[in-house]
């Protein structure tokens, strides 16, 4: 009986944490974002966009709505199929995080910078830059 109580005491907190929202605690918000960049999936990536964001893709910079930014990325991915994406640097606090990465797409190499901020119970992309490396 004593061993059973020990197991319950150890396992119960794990089961309670199992259903916590994905944005809490040690969850890395960039895991799905990076996956969608590597897949060239503008539709799924745009689910992480704030209603308005700054987007710069291949020297074209604008403040865009979520739908406009999705279309800009969709056009980029159609002509620049991702081959690899690697995160080189990540920083952040509880309410704001950013990454700097290298994207190989369409035979070119790009520097990718993404800033996200906490919006209630989730993070949203505030800024996304994809700049060709010289």
Foldseek 3Di string as FASTA:
>chain_A
DVVVVVCCVVCVVVVVCPPDDQLDDPRDQCPVLQVCVQQLPLPVNLVQADQWAWEAEANDTDTDGSVVNSVVSNVVCVQWPWDDKDWDDKDDDSFKIKTWIWTHTNNFIWIWIWIWGDDDRHIHTRYIYTYTDD
